[in-house]
């Protein structure tokens, strides 16, 4: 009886070891199977990505394959007219600036000379203060303020005269300037008269700044 029991006890460890070995082998096989399946799935996913990247986006196609629409004679003529009109406007603007800078109108020359005289006259400076500015018309419109009222004529002796009037303003008052100049035999401009009418402060007599005295 004891021998049978010892045989049974000796058999149990050997049996258990065999079971453990079989379980270990099965788990290794199962792990290799899972790894193989995962590798195949990863390769399939990468192949799908490559196939998708090879599909050409129709919106990325080069535009040089699009045929150009031929320009008709009417369209070409219209473009030419637009270009010519733009050049005409640019030339007109350039000529106006060139004329104003190089060929300054006579009334602006007279205005500049008269304003310079008035600004340097001590009697005017005492009445309205300094600095003194000049402008063409009493208006908030900039273009109107830049326009100088004038009268240009030639007398019976062929002498050219230019008459202008404009406004002046200083820190303490304002007034109006009246002047006339003529071009002498040497083509130099000389004052016939230049006087200032002080309108503010009130009660100031007109100030004669320049007058023509024949030689």
N, C-alpha and C. Protein backbone atom coordinates (compact mmCIF):
# COMPACT_ATOMS: atom_id res chain seq x y z
N UNK A 1 0.84 -1.19 0.00
CA UNK A 1 0.00 0.00 0.00
C UNK A 1 0.87 1.23 0.00
N UNK A 2 1.89 1.23 0.78
CA UNK A 2 2.81 2.36 0.82
C UNK A 2 3.52 2.55 -0.50
N UNK A 3 3.83 1.48 -1.20
CA UNK A 3 4.50 1.59 -2.50
C UNK A 3 3.59 2.23 -3.54
N UNK A 4 2.32 1.86 -3.46
CA UNK A 4 1.35 2.47 -4.42
C UNK A 4 1.23 3.94 -4.18
N UNK A 5 1.15 4.32 -2.87
CA UNK A 5 1.03 5.76 -2.53
C UNK A 5 2.24 6.53 -2.99
N UNK A 6 3.44 5.95 -2.80
CA UNK A 6 4.65 6.64 -3.24
C UNK A 6 4.70 6.77 -4.75
N UNK A 7 4.17 5.77 -5.43
CA UNK A 7 4.16 5.88 -6.91
C UNK A 7 3.23 6.97 -7.38
N UNK A 8 2.11 7.06 -6.69
CA UNK A 8 1.16 8.13 -7.06
C UNK A 8 1.76 9.49 -6.80
N UNK A 9 2.40 9.62 -5.63
CA UNK A 9 3.01 10.92 -5.30
C UNK A 9 4.13 11.26 -6.25
N UNK A 10 4.91 10.26 -6.68
CA UNK A 10 5.99 10.54 -7.63
C UNK A 10 5.48 10.85 -9.01
N UNK A 11 4.33 10.36 -9.33
CA UNK A 11 3.77 10.61 -10.66
C UNK A 11 3.19 12.01 -10.79
N UNK A 12 2.66 12.57 -9.69
CA UNK A 12 1.99 13.89 -9.75
C UNK A 12 2.93 15.01 -10.19
N UNK A 13 4.13 15.13 -9.69
CA UNK A 13 5.01 16.23 -10.17
C UNK A 13 5.34 16.09 -11.63
N UNK A 14 5.58 14.86 -12.05
CA UNK A 14 5.91 14.69 -13.48
C UNK A 14 4.74 15.08 -14.35
N UNK A 15 3.55 14.70 -13.89
CA UNK A 15 2.35 15.06 -14.67
C UNK A 15 2.15 16.57 -14.71
N UNK A 16 2.33 17.21 -13.54
CA UNK A 16 2.16 18.67 -13.47
C UNK A 16 3.19 19.38 -14.33
N UNK A 17 4.41 18.86 -14.38
CA UNK A 17 5.43 19.51 -15.23
C UNK A 17 5.05 19.40 -16.69
N UNK A 18 4.50 18.28 -17.06
CA UNK A 18 4.08 18.14 -18.47
C UNK A 18 2.98 19.10 -18.83
N UNK A 19 2.03 19.25 -17.89
CA UNK A 19 0.94 20.20 -18.15
C UNK A 19 1.47 21.63 -18.27
N UNK A 20 2.40 21.95 -17.42
CA UNK A 20 2.97 23.32 -17.46
C UNK A 20 3.69 23.56 -18.76
N UNK A 21 4.46 22.52 -19.21
CA UNK A 21 5.20 22.68 -20.48
C UNK A 21 4.26 22.86 -21.65
N UNK A 22 3.17 22.06 -21.62
CA UNK A 22 2.21 22.20 -22.73
C UNK A 22 1.54 23.57 -22.72
N UNK A 23 1.22 24.06 -21.53
CA UNK A 23 0.57 25.39 -21.44
C UNK A 23 1.52 26.49 -21.91
N UNK A 24 2.79 26.36 -21.55
CA UNK A 24 3.78 27.37 -21.97
C UNK A 24 3.93 27.37 -23.47
N UNK A 25 4.01 26.15 -24.04
CA UNK A 25 4.15 26.05 -25.51
C UNK A 25 2.95 26.65 -26.22
N UNK A 26 1.76 26.38 -25.68
CA UNK A 26 0.54 26.92 -26.30
C UNK A 26 0.51 28.44 -26.24
N UNK A 27 0.93 29.00 -25.09
CA UNK A 27 0.93 30.46 -24.97
C UNK A 27 1.92 31.10 -25.92
N UNK A 28 3.09 30.43 -26.11
CA UNK A 28 4.07 30.96 -27.06
C UNK A 28 3.53 30.95 -28.48
N UNK A 29 2.85 29.89 -28.81
CA UNK A 29 2.26 29.80 -30.17
C UNK A 29 1.19 30.86 -30.36
N UNK A 30 0.39 31.07 -29.33
CA UNK A 30 -0.68 32.08 -29.43
C UNK A 30 -0.09 33.49 -29.57
N UNK A 31 1.00 33.75 -28.83
CA UNK A 31 1.64 35.07 -28.91
C UNK A 31 2.23 35.30 -30.28
N UNK A 32 2.88 34.23 -30.85
CA UNK A 32 3.44 34.38 -32.20
C UNK A 32 2.35 34.61 -33.23
N UNK A 33 1.22 33.95 -33.01
CA UNK A 33 0.08 34.14 -33.95
C UNK A 33 -0.43 35.56 -33.90
N UNK A 34 -0.56 36.11 -32.68
CA UNK A 34 -1.03 37.50 -32.56
C UNK A 34 -0.05 38.48 -33.18
N UNK A 35 1.26 38.25 -32.95
CA UNK A 35 2.27 39.15 -33.51
C UNK A 35 2.25 39.10 -35.02
N UNK A 36 2.06 37.89 -35.57
CA UNK A 36 2.02 37.76 -37.04
C UNK A 36 0.82 38.49 -37.61
N UNK A 37 -0.33 38.33 -36.94
CA UNK A 37 -1.54 39.02 -37.42
C UNK A 37 -1.37 40.54 -37.33
N UNK A 38 -0.78 41.03 -36.24
CA UNK A 38 -0.58 42.48 -36.08
C UNK A 38 0.36 43.01 -37.14
N UNK A 39 1.42 42.25 -37.46
CA UNK A 39 2.37 42.69 -38.51
C UNK A 39 1.69 42.77 -39.86
N UNK A 40 0.86 41.73 -40.16
CA UNK A 40 0.14 41.74 -41.43
C UNK A 40 -0.84 42.92 -41.50
N UNK A 41 -1.53 43.21 -40.40
CA UNK A 41 -2.48 44.34 -40.38
C UNK A 41 -1.76 45.66 -40.58
N UNK A 42 -0.57 45.79 -39.95
CA UNK A 42 0.20 47.04 -40.10
C UNK A 42 0.66 47.23 -41.53
N UNK A 43 1.14 46.11 -42.16
CA UNK A 43 1.57 46.20 -43.56
C UNK A 43 0.40 46.55 -44.47
N UNK A 44 -0.76 45.97 -44.19
CA UNK A 44 -1.94 46.28 -45.01
C UNK A 44 -2.34 47.73 -44.87
N UNK A 45 -2.25 48.29 -43.65
CA UNK A 45 -2.59 49.70 -43.42
C UNK A 45 -1.64 50.62 -44.17
N UNK A 46 -0.33 50.29 -44.13
CA UNK A 46 0.65 51.12 -44.86
C UNK A 46 0.42 51.06 -46.35
N UNK A 47 0.06 49.89 -46.86
CA UNK A 47 -0.22 49.76 -48.29
C UNK A 47 -1.44 50.58 -48.69
N UNK A 48 -2.48 50.60 -47.81
CA UNK A 48 -3.68 51.40 -48.09
C UNK A 48 -3.34 52.88 -48.14
N UNK A 49 -2.46 53.33 -47.21
CA UNK A 49 -2.06 54.74 -47.21
C UNK A 49 -1.33 55.11 -48.48
N UNK A 50 -0.44 54.20 -48.94
CA UNK A 50 0.29 54.46 -50.18
C UNK A 50 -0.66 54.54 -51.37
N UNK A 51 -1.64 53.62 -51.38
CA UNK A 51 -2.60 53.64 -52.48
C UNK A 51 -3.42 54.92 -52.48
N UNK A 52 -3.78 55.40 -51.28
CA UNK A 52 -4.57 56.64 -51.20
C UNK A 52 -3.75 57.83 -51.65
N UNK A 53 -2.45 57.86 -51.27
CA UNK A 53 -1.60 58.99 -51.65
C UNK A 53 -1.36 59.05 -53.14
N UNK A 54 -1.49 57.88 -53.81
CA UNK A 54 -1.27 57.87 -55.26
C UNK A 54 -2.46 58.41 -56.03
N UNK A 55 -3.62 58.54 -55.39
CA UNK A 55 -4.80 59.07 -56.08
C UNK A 55 -4.62 60.57 -56.28
N UNK A 56 -4.69 61.06 -57.46
CA UNK A 56 -4.43 62.47 -57.79
C UNK A 56 -5.64 63.32 -57.50
N UNK A 57 -5.42 64.40 -56.76
CA UNK A 57 -6.49 65.35 -56.48
C UNK A 57 -6.77 66.16 -57.74
N UNK A 58 -8.01 66.14 -58.22
CA UNK A 58 -8.29 66.89 -59.46
C UNK A 58 -8.07 68.38 -59.31
N UNK A 59 -8.13 68.90 -58.06
CA UNK A 59 -7.95 70.34 -57.86
C UNK A 59 -6.48 70.73 -57.86
N UNK A 60 -5.57 69.72 -57.72
CA UNK A 60 -4.14 70.00 -57.74
C UNK A 60 -3.53 69.83 -59.12
N UNK A 61 -4.35 69.56 -60.10
CA UNK A 61 -3.83 69.35 -61.45
C UNK A 61 -3.22 70.64 -61.96
N UNK A 62 -2.13 70.59 -62.71
CA UNK A 62 -1.49 71.81 -63.22
C UNK A 62 -2.41 72.60 -64.13
N UNK A 63 -2.36 73.95 -63.94
CA UNK A 63 -3.25 74.81 -64.71
C UNK A 63 -2.78 75.05 -66.13
N UNK A 64 -1.53 74.64 -66.43
CA UNK A 64 -1.06 74.91 -67.79
C UNK A 64 -1.75 74.02 -68.82
N UNK A 65 -2.50 73.02 -68.33
CA UNK A 65 -3.23 72.18 -69.27
C UNK A 65 -4.55 72.80 -69.69
N UNK A 66 -4.96 73.91 -68.99
CA UNK A 66 -6.22 74.56 -69.33
C UNK A 66 -6.01 75.41 -70.58
N UNK A 67 -6.77 75.21 -71.60
CA UNK A 67 -6.58 76.00 -72.83
C UNK A 67 -6.97 77.45 -72.62
N UNK A 68 -6.18 78.40 -73.13
CA UNK A 68 -6.46 79.82 -73.01
C UNK A 68 -7.50 80.25 -74.03
N UNK A 69 -8.38 81.16 -73.55
CA UNK A 69 -9.40 81.69 -74.43
C UNK A 69 -8.78 82.75 -75.33
N UNK A 70 -8.93 82.63 -76.61
CA UNK A 70 -8.34 83.63 -77.52
C UNK A 70 -8.98 84.99 -77.34
N UNK A 71 -8.15 86.06 -77.39
CA UNK A 71 -8.63 87.43 -77.25
C UNK A 71 -9.18 87.90 -78.58
N UNK A 72 -10.43 88.37 -78.55
CA UNK A 72 -11.05 88.84 -79.79
C UNK A 72 -10.56 90.23 -80.13
N UNK A 73 -10.85 90.66 -81.34
CA UNK A 73 -10.44 92.00 -81.79
C UNK A 73 -11.11 93.08 -80.95
N UNK A 74 -12.39 92.86 -80.61
CA UNK A 74 -13.12 93.87 -79.81
C UNK A 74 -12.50 94.02 -78.43
N UNK A 75 -12.16 92.88 -77.80
CA UNK A 75 -11.54 92.95 -76.48
C UNK A 75 -10.18 93.63 -76.53
N UNK A 76 -9.40 93.30 -77.56
CA UNK A 76 -8.09 93.94 -77.71
C UNK A 76 -8.21 95.43 -77.89
N UNK A 77 -9.19 95.86 -78.70
CA UNK A 77 -9.40 97.30 -78.91
C UNK A 77 -9.84 97.98 -77.62
N UNK A 78 -10.68 97.30 -76.84
CA UNK A 78 -11.14 97.89 -75.57
C UNK A 78 -9.98 98.08 -74.61
N UNK A 79 -9.10 97.06 -74.51
CA UNK A 79 -7.94 97.18 -73.64
C UNK A 79 -7.03 98.33 -74.09
N UNK A 80 -6.87 98.48 -75.38
CA UNK A 80 -6.02 99.56 -75.90
C UNK A 80 -6.60 100.92 -75.56
N UNK A 81 -7.93 101.06 -75.69
CA UNK A 81 -8.58 102.34 -75.36
C UNK A 81 -8.43 102.66 -73.88
N UNK A 82 -8.56 101.64 -73.03
CA UNK A 82 -8.41 101.87 -71.59
C UNK A 82 -7.00 102.33 -71.26
N UNK A 83 -6.01 101.68 -71.87
CA UNK A 83 -4.61 102.06 -71.63
C UNK A 83 -4.34 103.48 -72.12
N UNK A 84 -4.85 103.81 -73.30
CA UNK A 84 -4.65 105.16 -73.84
C UNK A 84 -5.33 106.21 -72.98
N UNK A 85 -6.53 105.89 -72.48
CA UNK A 85 -7.23 106.84 -71.61
C UNK A 85 -6.45 107.08 -70.33
N UNK A 86 -5.90 106.00 -69.75
CA UNK A 86 -5.09 106.16 -68.54
C UNK A 86 -3.86 106.99 -68.78
N UNK A 87 -3.19 106.77 -69.90
CA UNK A 87 -2.01 107.58 -70.24
C UNK A 87 -2.39 109.03 -70.44
N UNK A 88 -3.56 109.26 -71.06
CA UNK A 88 -4.00 110.64 -71.27
C UNK A 88 -4.24 111.37 -69.97
N UNK A 89 -4.88 110.70 -69.02
CA UNK A 89 -5.13 111.32 -67.71
C UNK A 89 -3.82 111.60 -66.99
N UNK A 90 -2.89 110.65 -67.04
CA UNK A 90 -1.59 110.85 -66.38
C UNK A 90 -0.82 112.01 -67.00
N UNK A 91 -0.84 112.11 -68.33
CA UNK A 91 -0.14 113.20 -69.00
C UNK A 91 -0.77 114.55 -68.67
N UNK A 92 -2.11 114.58 -68.63
CA UNK A 92 -2.79 115.84 -68.30
C UNK A 92 -2.46 116.29 -66.89
N UNK A 93 -2.45 115.35 -65.94
CA UNK A 93 -2.11 115.70 -64.56
C UNK A 93 -0.66 116.17 -64.46
N UNK A 94 0.24 115.47 -65.16
CA UNK A 94 1.64 115.88 -65.14
C UNK A 94 1.85 117.25 -65.75
N UNK A 95 1.13 117.54 -66.84
CA UNK A 95 1.26 118.85 -67.47
C UNK A 95 0.74 119.96 -66.56
N UNK A 96 -0.37 119.68 -65.85
CA UNK A 96 -0.92 120.68 -64.94
C UNK A 96 0.07 121.02 -63.83
N UNK A 97 0.69 119.97 -63.27
CA UNK A 97 1.69 120.20 -62.22
C UNK A 97 2.89 120.95 -62.78
N UNK A 98 3.37 120.53 -63.95
CA UNK A 98 4.52 121.18 -64.58
C UNK A 98 4.21 122.65 -64.89
N UNK A 99 3.01 122.90 -65.39
CA UNK A 99 2.63 124.27 -65.72
C UNK A 99 2.56 125.14 -64.47
N UNK A 100 2.03 124.55 -63.38
CA UNK A 100 1.90 125.33 -62.15
C UNK A 100 3.25 125.63 -61.52
N UNK A 101 4.18 124.65 -61.62
CA UNK A 101 5.49 124.84 -61.01
C UNK A 101 6.41 125.69 -61.87
N UNK A 102 6.40 125.46 -63.18
CA UNK A 102 7.32 126.16 -64.08
C UNK A 102 6.71 127.44 -64.62
N UNK A 103 5.51 127.33 -65.16
CA UNK A 103 4.82 128.50 -65.72
C UNK A 103 3.75 128.95 -64.74
N UNK A 104 4.17 129.55 -63.65
CA UNK A 104 3.24 129.99 -62.61
C UNK A 104 2.34 131.09 -63.15
N UNK A 105 1.03 130.97 -62.94
CA UNK A 105 0.12 132.02 -63.41
C UNK A 105 0.50 133.39 -62.85
N UNK A 106 0.21 134.43 -63.62
CA UNK A 106 0.62 135.79 -63.24
C UNK A 106 0.00 136.23 -61.93
N UNK A 107 -1.28 135.87 -61.73
CA UNK A 107 -1.92 136.33 -60.50
C UNK A 107 -1.26 135.75 -59.25
N UNK A 108 -0.70 134.55 -59.36
CA UNK A 108 -0.03 133.96 -58.21
C UNK A 108 1.33 134.60 -57.97
N UNK A 109 1.97 135.04 -59.04
CA UNK A 109 3.22 135.79 -58.86
C UNK A 109 2.96 137.11 -58.15
N UNK A 110 1.91 137.81 -58.56
CA UNK A 110 1.57 139.09 -57.93
C UNK A 110 1.16 138.86 -56.48
N UNK A 111 0.36 137.82 -56.26
CA UNK A 111 -0.07 137.48 -54.90
C UNK A 111 1.14 137.22 -54.00
N UNK A 112 2.11 136.46 -54.49
CA UNK A 112 3.30 136.16 -53.70
C UNK A 112 4.11 137.39 -53.35
N UNK A 113 4.28 138.28 -54.33
CA UNK A 113 5.04 139.51 -54.08
C UNK A 113 4.32 140.41 -53.08
N UNK A 114 2.99 140.54 -53.23
CA UNK A 114 2.23 141.40 -52.34
C UNK A 114 2.20 140.85 -50.92
N UNK A 115 2.00 139.54 -50.78
CA UNK A 115 1.96 138.94 -49.45
C UNK A 115 3.30 139.09 -48.74
N UNK A 116 4.38 138.96 -49.47
CA UNK A 116 5.70 139.13 -48.87
C UNK A 116 5.89 140.55 -48.34
N UNK A 117 5.42 141.53 -49.10
CA UNK A 117 5.50 142.93 -48.65
C UNK A 117 4.68 143.16 -47.40
N UNK A 118 3.45 142.61 -47.38
CA UNK A 118 2.55 142.81 -46.25
C UNK A 118 3.11 142.14 -45.00
N UNK A 119 3.63 140.93 -45.15
CA UNK A 119 4.15 140.21 -43.99
C UNK A 119 5.34 140.91 -43.34
N UNK A 120 6.05 141.72 -44.11
CA UNK A 120 7.23 142.41 -43.59
C UNK A 120 6.96 143.87 -43.24
N UNK A 121 5.70 144.29 -43.33
CA UNK A 121 5.36 145.67 -42.98
C UNK A 121 5.06 145.75 -41.48
N UNK A 122 5.80 146.58 -40.77
CA UNK A 122 5.66 146.66 -39.31
C UNK A 122 4.30 147.17 -38.88
N UNK A 123 3.69 148.06 -39.67
CA UNK A 123 2.39 148.62 -39.30
C UNK A 123 1.31 147.54 -39.33
N UNK A 124 1.38 146.68 -40.32
CA UNK A 124 0.40 145.59 -40.41
C UNK A 124 0.63 144.58 -39.29
N UNK A 125 1.86 144.28 -39.00
CA UNK A 125 2.19 143.31 -37.96
C UNK A 125 1.72 143.79 -36.59
N UNK A 126 1.81 145.12 -36.35
CA UNK A 126 1.36 145.65 -35.07
C UNK A 126 -0.15 145.48 -34.92
N UNK A 127 -0.90 145.67 -36.03
CA UNK A 127 -2.36 145.62 -35.97
C UNK A 127 -2.89 144.20 -35.81
N UNK A 128 -2.39 143.26 -36.59
CA UNK A 128 -2.99 141.91 -36.58
C UNK A 128 -2.04 140.83 -36.05
N UNK A 129 -0.81 141.21 -35.73
CA UNK A 129 0.13 140.24 -35.18
C UNK A 129 0.85 139.45 -36.26
N UNK A 130 1.69 138.54 -35.83
CA UNK A 130 2.48 137.71 -36.74
C UNK A 130 2.57 136.30 -36.15
N UNK A 131 2.69 135.28 -36.99
CA UNK A 131 2.84 135.34 -38.45
C UNK A 131 1.54 135.65 -39.17
N UNK A 132 1.68 136.16 -40.39
CA UNK A 132 0.54 136.54 -41.22
C UNK A 132 0.41 135.55 -42.37
N UNK A 133 -0.78 135.02 -42.56
CA UNK A 133 -1.05 134.10 -43.67
C UNK A 133 -2.02 134.75 -44.64
N UNK A 134 -1.96 134.33 -45.91
CA UNK A 134 -2.85 134.86 -46.94
C UNK A 134 -3.63 133.75 -47.61
N UNK A 135 -4.83 134.08 -48.12
CA UNK A 135 -5.66 133.12 -48.82
C UNK A 135 -6.60 133.87 -49.75
N UNK A 136 -7.12 133.16 -50.74
CA UNK A 136 -7.88 133.81 -51.79
C UNK A 136 -9.27 134.25 -51.40
N UNK A 137 -10.04 133.38 -50.77
CA UNK A 137 -11.43 133.69 -50.47
C UNK A 137 -11.79 133.22 -49.07
N UNK A 138 -12.79 133.89 -48.48
CA UNK A 138 -13.28 133.50 -47.16
C UNK A 138 -14.18 132.28 -47.32
N UNK A 139 -13.61 131.10 -47.26
CA UNK A 139 -14.36 129.86 -47.45
C UNK A 139 -13.63 128.74 -46.73
N UNK A 140 -14.41 127.72 -46.33
CA UNK A 140 -13.82 126.53 -45.73
C UNK A 140 -13.31 125.57 -46.79
N UNK A 141 -13.71 125.83 -48.04
CA UNK A 141 -13.27 124.98 -49.14
C UNK A 141 -11.83 125.30 -49.50
N UNK A 142 -10.99 124.27 -49.48
CA UNK A 142 -9.56 124.49 -49.72
C UNK A 142 -9.30 125.03 -51.12
N UNK A 143 -10.02 124.48 -52.12
CA UNK A 143 -9.81 124.93 -53.50
C UNK A 143 -10.21 126.40 -53.65
N UNK A 144 -11.29 126.80 -53.00
CA UNK A 144 -11.73 128.20 -53.08
C UNK A 144 -10.72 129.12 -52.40
N UNK A 145 -10.15 128.69 -51.30
CA UNK A 145 -9.18 129.52 -50.60
C UNK A 145 -7.90 129.70 -51.41
N UNK A 146 -7.62 128.76 -52.31
CA UNK A 146 -6.41 128.85 -53.12
C UNK A 146 -6.61 129.68 -54.39
N UNK A 147 -7.85 129.99 -54.73
CA UNK A 147 -8.12 130.78 -55.93
C UNK A 147 -7.98 132.27 -55.62
N UNK A 148 -7.17 132.95 -56.41
CA UNK A 148 -6.92 134.38 -56.20
C UNK A 148 -7.73 135.19 -57.21
N UNK A 149 -8.68 136.01 -56.74
CA UNK A 149 -9.42 136.87 -57.68
C UNK A 149 -8.46 137.80 -58.41
N UNK A 150 -8.67 137.99 -59.71
CA UNK A 150 -7.71 138.75 -60.53
C UNK A 150 -8.44 139.50 -61.64
N UNK A 151 -7.70 140.45 -62.19
CA UNK A 151 -8.12 141.14 -63.42
C UNK A 151 -6.85 141.48 -64.19
N UNK A 152 -6.76 141.01 -65.43
CA UNK A 152 -5.57 141.20 -66.26
C UNK A 152 -5.97 141.98 -67.52
N UNK A 153 -5.23 143.01 -67.83
CA UNK A 153 -5.52 143.78 -69.04
C UNK A 153 -4.25 144.47 -69.53
N UNK A 154 -4.31 144.97 -70.74
CA UNK A 154 -3.20 145.71 -71.36
C UNK A 154 -3.70 147.10 -71.72
N UNK A 155 -2.96 148.14 -71.30
CA UNK A 155 -3.40 149.52 -71.56
C UNK A 155 -3.07 149.95 -72.99
N UNK A 156 -3.38 151.21 -73.30
CA UNK A 156 -3.19 151.73 -74.67
C UNK A 156 -1.73 151.81 -75.08
N UNK A 157 -0.84 151.78 -74.09
CA UNK A 157 0.59 151.83 -74.40
C UNK A 157 1.21 150.43 -74.51
N UNK A 158 0.37 149.41 -74.42
CA UNK A 158 0.86 148.04 -74.53
C UNK A 158 1.46 147.50 -73.25
N UNK A 159 1.19 148.17 -72.13
CA UNK A 159 1.73 147.72 -70.84
C UNK A 159 0.72 146.77 -70.18
N UNK A 160 1.21 145.66 -69.74
CA UNK A 160 0.35 144.64 -69.11
C UNK A 160 0.17 144.94 -67.63
N UNK A 161 -1.09 144.86 -67.16
CA UNK A 161 -1.42 145.10 -65.76
C UNK A 161 -2.13 143.87 -65.18
N UNK A 162 -1.84 143.63 -63.91
CA UNK A 162 -2.51 142.54 -63.19
C UNK A 162 -2.98 143.09 -61.85
N UNK A 163 -4.28 142.93 -61.58
CA UNK A 163 -4.86 143.39 -60.32
C UNK A 163 -5.39 142.19 -59.55
N UNK A 164 -5.03 142.09 -58.28
CA UNK A 164 -5.51 140.98 -57.44
C UNK A 164 -5.93 141.52 -56.09
N UNK A 165 -6.76 140.74 -55.39
CA UNK A 165 -7.09 141.03 -54.00
C UNK A 165 -7.21 139.70 -53.26
N UNK A 166 -6.85 139.74 -51.99
CA UNK A 166 -6.88 138.51 -51.19
C UNK A 166 -6.97 138.88 -49.72
N UNK A 167 -7.18 137.88 -48.88
CA UNK A 167 -7.37 138.08 -47.45
C UNK A 167 -6.10 137.71 -46.69
N UNK A 168 -5.92 138.37 -45.55
CA UNK A 168 -4.80 138.05 -44.66
C UNK A 168 -5.34 137.86 -43.25
N UNK A 169 -4.61 137.09 -42.47
CA UNK A 169 -5.03 136.83 -41.09
C UNK A 169 -3.80 136.65 -40.21
N UNK A 170 -3.89 137.24 -39.01
CA UNK A 170 -2.84 137.10 -38.01
C UNK A 170 -3.43 136.67 -36.69
N UNK A 171 -2.61 136.51 -35.65
CA UNK A 171 -3.10 136.07 -34.34
C UNK A 171 -4.09 137.03 -33.70
N UNK A 172 -4.02 138.35 -34.05
CA UNK A 172 -4.85 139.35 -33.37
C UNK A 172 -5.86 140.03 -34.28
N UNK A 173 -5.95 139.63 -35.53
CA UNK A 173 -6.90 140.27 -36.42
C UNK A 173 -6.78 139.78 -37.84
N UNK A 174 -7.52 140.45 -38.73
CA UNK A 174 -7.50 140.06 -40.14
C UNK A 174 -7.83 141.26 -41.00
N UNK A 175 -7.61 141.12 -42.30
CA UNK A 175 -7.87 142.22 -43.22
C UNK A 175 -7.91 141.74 -44.66
N UNK A 176 -7.94 142.71 -45.59
CA UNK A 176 -7.98 142.40 -47.02
C UNK A 176 -6.96 143.27 -47.74
N UNK A 177 -6.30 142.66 -48.72
CA UNK A 177 -5.23 143.32 -49.46
C UNK A 177 -5.70 143.60 -50.88
N UNK A 178 -5.41 144.81 -51.37
CA UNK A 178 -5.71 145.21 -52.75
C UNK A 178 -4.40 145.66 -53.39
N UNK A 179 -4.11 145.14 -54.56
CA UNK A 179 -2.86 145.52 -55.21
C UNK A 179 -2.98 145.42 -56.72
N UNK A 180 -2.11 146.19 -57.40
CA UNK A 180 -1.99 146.13 -58.85
C UNK A 180 -0.52 146.26 -59.21
N UNK A 181 -0.08 145.46 -60.19
CA UNK A 181 1.29 145.53 -60.66
C UNK A 181 1.29 145.60 -62.19
N UNK A 182 2.35 146.15 -62.73
CA UNK A 182 2.49 146.23 -64.19
C UNK A 182 3.90 145.78 -64.56
N UNK A 183 4.05 145.39 -65.83
CA UNK A 183 5.34 144.93 -66.33
C UNK A 183 6.00 146.08 -67.09
N UNK A 184 7.18 146.49 -66.64
CA UNK A 184 7.85 147.63 -67.27
C UNK A 184 8.59 147.22 -68.54
N UNK A 185 9.37 148.15 -69.09
CA UNK A 185 10.08 147.88 -70.35
C UNK A 185 11.11 146.78 -70.20
N UNK A 186 11.61 146.60 -68.99
CA UNK A 186 12.59 145.54 -68.74
C UNK A 186 11.94 144.21 -68.36
N UNK A 187 10.61 144.15 -68.54
CA UNK A 187 9.83 142.94 -68.24
C UNK A 187 9.88 142.58 -66.75
N UNK A 188 10.04 143.61 -65.91
CA UNK A 188 10.02 143.43 -64.47
C UNK A 188 8.69 143.92 -63.91
N UNK A 189 8.16 143.21 -62.91
CA UNK A 189 6.89 143.60 -62.31
C UNK A 189 7.13 144.65 -61.24
N UNK A 190 6.30 145.71 -61.29
CA UNK A 190 6.38 146.80 -60.32
C UNK A 190 4.98 147.11 -59.79
N UNK A 191 4.94 147.57 -58.53
CA UNK A 191 3.65 147.88 -57.92
C UNK A 191 3.11 149.21 -58.43
N UNK A 192 1.83 149.20 -58.83
CA UNK A 192 1.12 150.46 -59.05
C UNK A 192 0.62 150.97 -57.70
N UNK A 193 0.04 150.05 -56.92
CA UNK A 193 -0.35 150.36 -55.54
C UNK A 193 -0.46 149.05 -54.77
N UNK A 194 -0.38 149.17 -53.46
CA UNK A 194 -0.58 148.04 -52.55
C UNK A 194 -1.02 148.61 -51.21
N UNK A 195 -2.27 148.32 -50.83
CA UNK A 195 -2.72 148.79 -49.53
C UNK A 195 -3.53 147.69 -48.84
N UNK A 196 -3.58 147.83 -47.51
CA UNK A 196 -4.23 146.83 -46.66
C UNK A 196 -5.39 147.48 -45.93
N UNK A 197 -6.53 146.83 -46.01
CA UNK A 197 -7.72 147.28 -45.29
C UNK A 197 -7.88 146.39 -44.06
N UNK A 198 -7.61 146.96 -42.87
CA UNK A 198 -7.72 146.19 -41.63
C UNK A 198 -9.18 146.12 -41.22
N UNK A 199 -9.71 144.90 -41.11
CA UNK A 199 -11.12 144.72 -40.74
C UNK A 199 -11.30 144.32 -39.29
N UNK A 200 -10.27 143.80 -38.69
CA UNK A 200 -10.29 143.48 -37.26
C UNK A 200 -8.85 143.55 -36.76
N UNK A 201 -8.61 144.35 -35.72
CA UNK A 201 -9.57 145.15 -34.94
C UNK A 201 -10.14 146.32 -35.75
N UNK A 202 -11.35 146.76 -35.39
CA UNK A 202 -11.99 147.84 -36.15
C UNK A 202 -11.36 149.20 -35.84
N UNK A 203 -11.71 150.18 -36.70
CA UNK A 203 -11.27 151.56 -36.49
C UNK A 203 -9.87 151.85 -36.95
N UNK A 204 -9.28 150.98 -37.79
CA UNK A 204 -7.92 151.20 -38.28
C UNK A 204 -8.00 151.71 -39.72
N UNK A 205 -7.30 152.79 -40.00
CA UNK A 205 -7.28 153.33 -41.36
C UNK A 205 -6.53 152.40 -42.30
N UNK A 206 -6.89 152.41 -43.61
CA UNK A 206 -6.15 151.61 -44.58
C UNK A 206 -4.66 151.95 -44.56
N UNK A 207 -3.85 150.95 -44.73
CA UNK A 207 -2.40 151.11 -44.69
C UNK A 207 -1.85 151.00 -46.10
N UNK A 208 -1.24 152.07 -46.61
CA UNK A 208 -0.63 152.06 -47.93
C UNK A 208 0.78 151.49 -47.79
N UNK A 209 1.00 150.34 -48.39
CA UNK A 209 2.30 149.67 -48.27
C UNK A 209 3.22 150.05 -49.42
N UNK A 210 2.70 150.11 -50.66
CA UNK A 210 3.49 150.44 -51.84
C UNK A 210 2.66 151.28 -52.79
N UNK A 211 3.34 152.19 -53.52
CA UNK A 211 2.69 152.96 -54.58
C UNK A 211 3.73 153.31 -55.63
N UNK A 212 3.26 153.45 -56.86
CA UNK A 212 4.19 153.69 -57.97
C UNK A 212 4.57 155.16 -58.02
N UNK A 213 5.86 155.37 -58.04
CA UNK A 213 6.38 156.73 -58.18
C UNK A 213 7.21 156.77 -59.46
N UNK A 214 6.72 157.48 -60.51
CA UNK A 214 7.48 157.51 -61.77
C UNK A 214 8.87 158.08 -61.57
N UNK A 215 9.81 157.53 -62.33
CA UNK A 215 11.19 158.00 -62.22
C UNK A 215 11.32 159.39 -62.79
